[in-house]
N, C-alpha and C. Protein backbone atom coordinates (compact mmCIF):
# COMPACT_ATOMS: atom_id res chain seq x y z
N ALA A 1 -95.46 5.04 -39.88
CA ALA A 1 -95.25 3.78 -40.58
C ALA A 1 -95.32 4.01 -42.09
N PRO A 2 -94.39 3.45 -42.82
CA PRO A 2 -94.32 3.69 -44.27
C PRO A 2 -95.61 3.36 -45.03
N GLU A 3 -96.34 2.37 -44.56
CA GLU A 3 -97.55 1.98 -45.30
C GLU A 3 -98.66 3.04 -45.23
N TYR A 4 -98.52 4.00 -44.32
CA TYR A 4 -99.54 5.05 -44.20
C TYR A 4 -99.11 6.36 -44.86
N ARG A 5 -97.91 6.38 -45.42
CA ARG A 5 -97.46 7.60 -46.09
C ARG A 5 -98.23 7.80 -47.38
N ARG A 6 -98.50 9.08 -47.65
CA ARG A 6 -99.20 9.50 -48.87
C ARG A 6 -100.63 8.94 -48.97
N THR A 7 -101.25 8.69 -47.83
CA THR A 7 -102.64 8.22 -47.82
C THR A 7 -103.61 9.33 -47.42
N GLY A 8 -103.08 10.45 -46.93
CA GLY A 8 -103.93 11.56 -46.52
C GLY A 8 -104.30 11.53 -45.05
N VAL A 9 -103.89 10.48 -44.34
CA VAL A 9 -104.24 10.36 -42.92
C VAL A 9 -103.64 11.51 -42.11
N ALA A 10 -102.38 11.83 -42.36
CA ALA A 10 -101.73 12.91 -41.61
C ALA A 10 -102.43 14.25 -41.85
N ASN A 11 -102.80 14.51 -43.09
CA ASN A 11 -103.54 15.74 -43.40
C ASN A 11 -104.84 15.80 -42.63
N GLN A 12 -105.57 14.68 -42.61
CA GLN A 12 -106.85 14.64 -41.91
C GLN A 12 -106.66 14.88 -40.42
N LEU A 13 -105.63 14.26 -39.84
CA LEU A 13 -105.37 14.46 -38.41
C LEU A 13 -105.02 15.91 -38.09
N MET A 14 -104.20 16.52 -38.92
CA MET A 14 -103.82 17.91 -38.69
C MET A 14 -105.01 18.84 -38.87
N GLU A 15 -105.84 18.59 -39.86
CA GLU A 15 -107.05 19.40 -40.05
C GLU A 15 -107.95 19.30 -38.81
N TYR A 16 -108.09 18.09 -38.29
CA TYR A 16 -108.93 17.89 -37.11
C TYR A 16 -108.34 18.61 -35.90
N LEU A 17 -107.03 18.47 -35.70
CA LEU A 17 -106.37 19.15 -34.59
C LEU A 17 -106.61 20.66 -34.65
N GLU A 18 -106.42 21.24 -35.83
CA GLU A 18 -106.59 22.68 -35.98
C GLU A 18 -108.05 23.09 -35.81
N GLU A 19 -108.96 22.27 -36.29
CA GLU A 19 -110.39 22.58 -36.14
C GLU A 19 -110.79 22.57 -34.66
N VAL A 20 -110.35 21.57 -33.92
CA VAL A 20 -110.66 21.50 -32.49
C VAL A 20 -110.01 22.68 -31.76
N GLY A 21 -108.78 22.97 -32.10
CA GLY A 21 -108.10 24.11 -31.47
C GLY A 21 -108.83 25.41 -31.71
N ASP A 22 -109.30 25.58 -32.94
CA ASP A 22 -109.99 26.82 -33.31
C ASP A 22 -111.40 26.89 -32.74
N LYS A 23 -112.20 25.90 -33.05
CA LYS A 23 -113.64 25.97 -32.73
C LYS A 23 -113.97 25.61 -31.28
N THR A 24 -113.24 24.67 -30.70
CA THR A 24 -113.54 24.24 -29.33
C THR A 24 -112.78 25.06 -28.29
N HIS A 25 -111.54 25.38 -28.59
CA HIS A 25 -110.70 26.04 -27.60
C HIS A 25 -110.36 27.49 -27.93
N ASN A 26 -110.82 27.97 -29.09
CA ASN A 26 -110.53 29.34 -29.50
C ASN A 26 -109.03 29.64 -29.42
N ALA A 27 -108.23 28.69 -29.90
CA ALA A 27 -106.77 28.80 -29.81
C ALA A 27 -106.25 29.97 -30.62
N TYR A 28 -105.17 30.53 -30.14
CA TYR A 28 -104.51 31.64 -30.81
C TYR A 28 -103.51 31.11 -31.84
N PHE A 29 -102.90 29.97 -31.54
CA PHE A 29 -101.97 29.33 -32.46
C PHE A 29 -101.91 27.84 -32.14
N CYS A 30 -101.32 27.10 -33.05
CA CYS A 30 -101.06 25.67 -32.86
C CYS A 30 -99.57 25.49 -33.05
N ASP A 31 -98.94 24.77 -32.12
CA ASP A 31 -97.53 24.50 -32.34
C ASP A 31 -97.21 23.04 -32.06
N LEU A 32 -96.08 22.62 -32.60
CA LEU A 32 -95.62 21.24 -32.46
C LEU A 32 -94.11 21.26 -32.49
N PHE A 33 -93.53 20.19 -32.02
CA PHE A 33 -92.08 20.09 -31.97
C PHE A 33 -91.61 18.97 -32.89
N VAL A 34 -90.55 19.25 -33.62
CA VAL A 34 -90.04 18.28 -34.59
C VAL A 34 -88.51 18.34 -34.59
N ARG A 35 -87.91 17.19 -34.79
CA ARG A 35 -86.45 17.13 -34.88
C ARG A 35 -85.99 17.81 -36.17
N PRO A 36 -84.96 18.65 -36.11
CA PRO A 36 -84.44 19.27 -37.33
C PRO A 36 -83.97 18.25 -38.37
N SER A 37 -83.63 17.06 -37.91
CA SER A 37 -83.19 16.01 -38.83
C SER A 37 -84.36 15.36 -39.59
N ASN A 38 -85.58 15.63 -39.16
CA ASN A 38 -86.76 15.04 -39.80
C ASN A 38 -87.25 15.95 -40.92
N GLU A 39 -86.49 15.97 -41.99
CA GLU A 39 -86.77 16.89 -43.09
C GLU A 39 -88.13 16.66 -43.75
N ALA A 40 -88.56 15.41 -43.82
CA ALA A 40 -89.87 15.12 -44.43
C ALA A 40 -91.00 15.75 -43.61
N ALA A 41 -90.90 15.65 -42.29
CA ALA A 41 -91.94 16.23 -41.43
C ALA A 41 -91.93 17.75 -41.52
N ILE A 42 -90.75 18.34 -41.54
CA ILE A 42 -90.65 19.79 -41.63
C ILE A 42 -91.29 20.29 -42.92
N LEU A 43 -91.01 19.64 -44.02
CA LEU A 43 -91.60 20.01 -45.30
C LEU A 43 -93.12 19.85 -45.26
N PHE A 44 -93.59 18.76 -44.69
CA PHE A 44 -95.03 18.51 -44.56
C PHE A 44 -95.71 19.64 -43.78
N TYR A 45 -95.16 19.98 -42.61
CA TYR A 45 -95.77 21.02 -41.79
C TYR A 45 -95.69 22.39 -42.44
N LYS A 46 -94.60 22.67 -43.14
CA LYS A 46 -94.50 23.95 -43.85
C LYS A 46 -95.58 24.06 -44.92
N LYS A 47 -95.87 22.95 -45.61
CA LYS A 47 -96.94 22.96 -46.62
C LYS A 47 -98.30 23.24 -46.00
N LEU A 48 -98.44 22.93 -44.71
CA LEU A 48 -99.70 23.19 -44.00
C LEU A 48 -99.75 24.61 -43.42
N GLY A 49 -98.67 25.36 -43.59
CA GLY A 49 -98.66 26.74 -43.11
C GLY A 49 -97.90 26.98 -41.83
N TYR A 50 -97.21 25.97 -41.32
CA TYR A 50 -96.41 26.13 -40.10
C TYR A 50 -95.07 26.77 -40.45
N VAL A 51 -94.52 27.51 -39.51
CA VAL A 51 -93.19 28.10 -39.66
C VAL A 51 -92.34 27.64 -38.49
N VAL A 52 -91.03 27.66 -38.68
CA VAL A 52 -90.13 27.37 -37.56
C VAL A 52 -90.11 28.63 -36.70
N TYR A 53 -90.81 28.57 -35.60
CA TYR A 53 -90.94 29.73 -34.72
C TYR A 53 -89.67 29.93 -33.88
N ARG A 54 -89.16 28.84 -33.34
CA ARG A 54 -87.93 28.92 -32.55
C ARG A 54 -87.27 27.55 -32.48
N THR A 55 -86.02 27.54 -32.06
CA THR A 55 -85.27 26.31 -31.87
C THR A 55 -85.07 26.10 -30.37
N VAL A 56 -85.42 24.92 -29.90
CA VAL A 56 -85.25 24.59 -28.49
C VAL A 56 -84.00 23.71 -28.38
N THR A 57 -82.96 24.26 -27.78
CA THR A 57 -81.68 23.55 -27.72
C THR A 57 -81.76 22.36 -26.76
N GLY A 58 -81.23 21.23 -27.20
CA GLY A 58 -81.17 20.04 -26.35
C GLY A 58 -82.52 19.49 -25.92
N TYR A 59 -83.55 19.70 -26.71
CA TYR A 59 -84.91 19.27 -26.35
C TYR A 59 -85.03 17.75 -26.26
N TYR A 60 -84.46 17.06 -27.25
CA TYR A 60 -84.50 15.60 -27.27
C TYR A 60 -83.24 15.07 -26.60
N CYS A 61 -83.42 14.30 -25.55
CA CYS A 61 -82.27 13.79 -24.79
C CYS A 61 -81.76 12.50 -25.40
N GLY A 62 -80.44 12.40 -25.44
CA GLY A 62 -79.79 11.17 -25.87
C GLY A 62 -79.13 10.51 -24.68
N ASP A 63 -78.33 9.49 -24.94
CA ASP A 63 -77.62 8.79 -23.87
C ASP A 63 -76.56 9.67 -23.22
N THR A 64 -76.02 10.58 -24.00
CA THR A 64 -75.01 11.51 -23.49
C THR A 64 -75.42 12.91 -23.90
N GLU A 65 -74.81 13.90 -23.27
CA GLU A 65 -75.14 15.29 -23.61
C GLU A 65 -74.84 15.59 -25.07
N SER A 66 -73.77 14.99 -25.58
CA SER A 66 -73.40 15.25 -26.98
C SER A 66 -74.34 14.56 -27.96
N SER A 67 -75.17 13.62 -27.48
CA SER A 67 -76.10 12.96 -28.40
C SER A 67 -77.50 13.55 -28.33
N SER A 68 -77.68 14.61 -27.54
CA SER A 68 -78.98 15.25 -27.51
C SER A 68 -79.21 16.00 -28.81
N GLU A 69 -80.47 16.28 -29.10
CA GLU A 69 -80.81 16.97 -30.35
C GLU A 69 -81.76 18.12 -30.07
N ASP A 70 -81.60 19.17 -30.83
CA ASP A 70 -82.50 20.31 -30.71
C ASP A 70 -83.86 19.95 -31.27
N ALA A 71 -84.82 20.82 -31.06
CA ALA A 71 -86.16 20.67 -31.65
C ALA A 71 -86.55 21.99 -32.29
N TYR A 72 -87.28 21.89 -33.38
CA TYR A 72 -87.93 23.07 -33.93
C TYR A 72 -89.31 23.15 -33.33
N ASP A 73 -89.64 24.30 -32.80
CA ASP A 73 -91.00 24.60 -32.36
C ASP A 73 -91.66 25.22 -33.58
N MET A 74 -92.50 24.45 -34.25
CA MET A 74 -93.16 24.93 -35.46
C MET A 74 -94.55 25.42 -35.07
N ARG A 75 -94.93 26.56 -35.59
CA ARG A 75 -96.15 27.22 -35.14
C ARG A 75 -96.96 27.72 -36.32
N LYS A 76 -98.27 27.68 -36.14
CA LYS A 76 -99.19 28.19 -37.15
C LYS A 76 -100.26 29.04 -36.46
N PRO A 77 -100.43 30.29 -36.88
CA PRO A 77 -101.49 31.11 -36.30
C PRO A 77 -102.87 30.53 -36.65
N MET A 78 -103.76 30.56 -35.70
CA MET A 78 -105.14 30.16 -35.94
C MET A 78 -105.94 31.39 -36.39
N PRO A 79 -107.15 31.19 -36.89
CA PRO A 79 -107.94 32.32 -37.40
C PRO A 79 -108.10 33.48 -36.41
N ARG A 80 -108.08 33.19 -35.13
CA ARG A 80 -108.21 34.24 -34.11
C ARG A 80 -107.05 35.24 -34.18
N ASP A 81 -105.87 34.77 -34.61
CA ASP A 81 -104.68 35.62 -34.72
C ASP A 81 -104.61 36.20 -36.13
N LYS A 82 -105.48 37.13 -36.40
CA LYS A 82 -105.60 37.71 -37.74
C LYS A 82 -104.34 38.45 -38.20
N GLU A 83 -103.56 38.97 -37.28
CA GLU A 83 -102.38 39.76 -37.63
C GLU A 83 -101.07 38.96 -37.55
N GLY A 84 -101.15 37.67 -37.24
CA GLY A 84 -99.95 36.84 -37.18
C GLY A 84 -99.01 37.18 -36.04
N ARG A 85 -99.55 37.71 -34.97
CA ARG A 85 -98.70 38.10 -33.84
C ARG A 85 -98.03 36.90 -33.16
N SER A 86 -98.67 35.74 -33.25
CA SER A 86 -98.12 34.55 -32.57
C SER A 86 -96.83 34.05 -33.22
N ILE A 87 -96.50 34.55 -34.41
CA ILE A 87 -95.25 34.12 -35.04
C ILE A 87 -94.26 35.27 -35.22
N GLN A 88 -94.59 36.42 -34.68
CA GLN A 88 -93.64 37.54 -34.74
C GLN A 88 -92.44 37.22 -33.86
N GLY A 89 -91.28 37.61 -34.29
CA GLY A 89 -90.07 37.34 -33.53
C GLY A 89 -89.53 35.95 -33.74
N ALA A 90 -89.95 35.29 -34.81
CA ALA A 90 -89.48 33.93 -35.08
C ALA A 90 -87.97 33.91 -35.27
N GLY A 91 -87.38 32.77 -34.98
CA GLY A 91 -85.96 32.58 -35.19
C GLY A 91 -85.13 32.54 -33.92
N LYS A 92 -85.76 32.64 -32.78
CA LYS A 92 -85.03 32.63 -31.51
C LYS A 92 -84.53 31.22 -31.18
N ARG A 93 -83.49 31.16 -30.37
CA ARG A 93 -83.00 29.92 -29.79
C ARG A 93 -83.26 30.01 -28.29
N ILE A 94 -83.91 28.99 -27.74
CA ILE A 94 -84.21 28.97 -26.31
C ILE A 94 -83.81 27.63 -25.73
N SER A 95 -83.75 27.56 -24.41
CA SER A 95 -83.50 26.29 -23.72
C SER A 95 -84.85 25.67 -23.34
N PRO A 96 -84.89 24.37 -23.06
CA PRO A 96 -86.16 23.72 -22.75
C PRO A 96 -86.94 24.37 -21.60
N HIS A 97 -86.24 24.86 -20.58
CA HIS A 97 -86.98 25.45 -19.44
C HIS A 97 -87.64 26.78 -19.80
N GLU A 98 -87.33 27.34 -20.95
CA GLU A 98 -87.93 28.60 -21.38
C GLU A 98 -89.19 28.39 -22.23
N ILE A 99 -89.53 27.17 -22.55
CA ILE A 99 -90.67 26.90 -23.43
C ILE A 99 -91.94 27.51 -22.90
N TRP A 100 -92.25 27.32 -21.64
CA TRP A 100 -93.53 27.78 -21.09
C TRP A 100 -93.36 29.06 -20.29
N ALA A 101 -92.22 29.68 -20.38
CA ALA A 101 -91.98 30.93 -19.63
C ALA A 101 -92.66 32.10 -20.31
C-alpha cells in the first residue's frame, strides 16, 4: 500500500525474516520470488543484498498461457554460507516444476 512506502516497515520485516532464518532455523540462504516487472521491489531487494539467482519461466499464471509471467528467484546467502555457495551458478532459467528439484 502506498501509504506504507518509505516508512521502514519493509526493512524491519526483512530484517526479522533473515534473523529468524539465521538464528532459529540455521538457514543457508533466504530466497523470494518477484515479478520481473516489479522494478521497485527488485531494487529494494538488491539493496538488501539479494541477487537474481534464477528465472522461473511461467511462474505467475495468467488467464491464458501468453499472459503468464516469469518470476525472479532472488536469493541472499545467510551467515552460515560464508563462501556464497548458495548463489553460485546464478543466471539459470528453470521451469516451475524444477524449483524444489
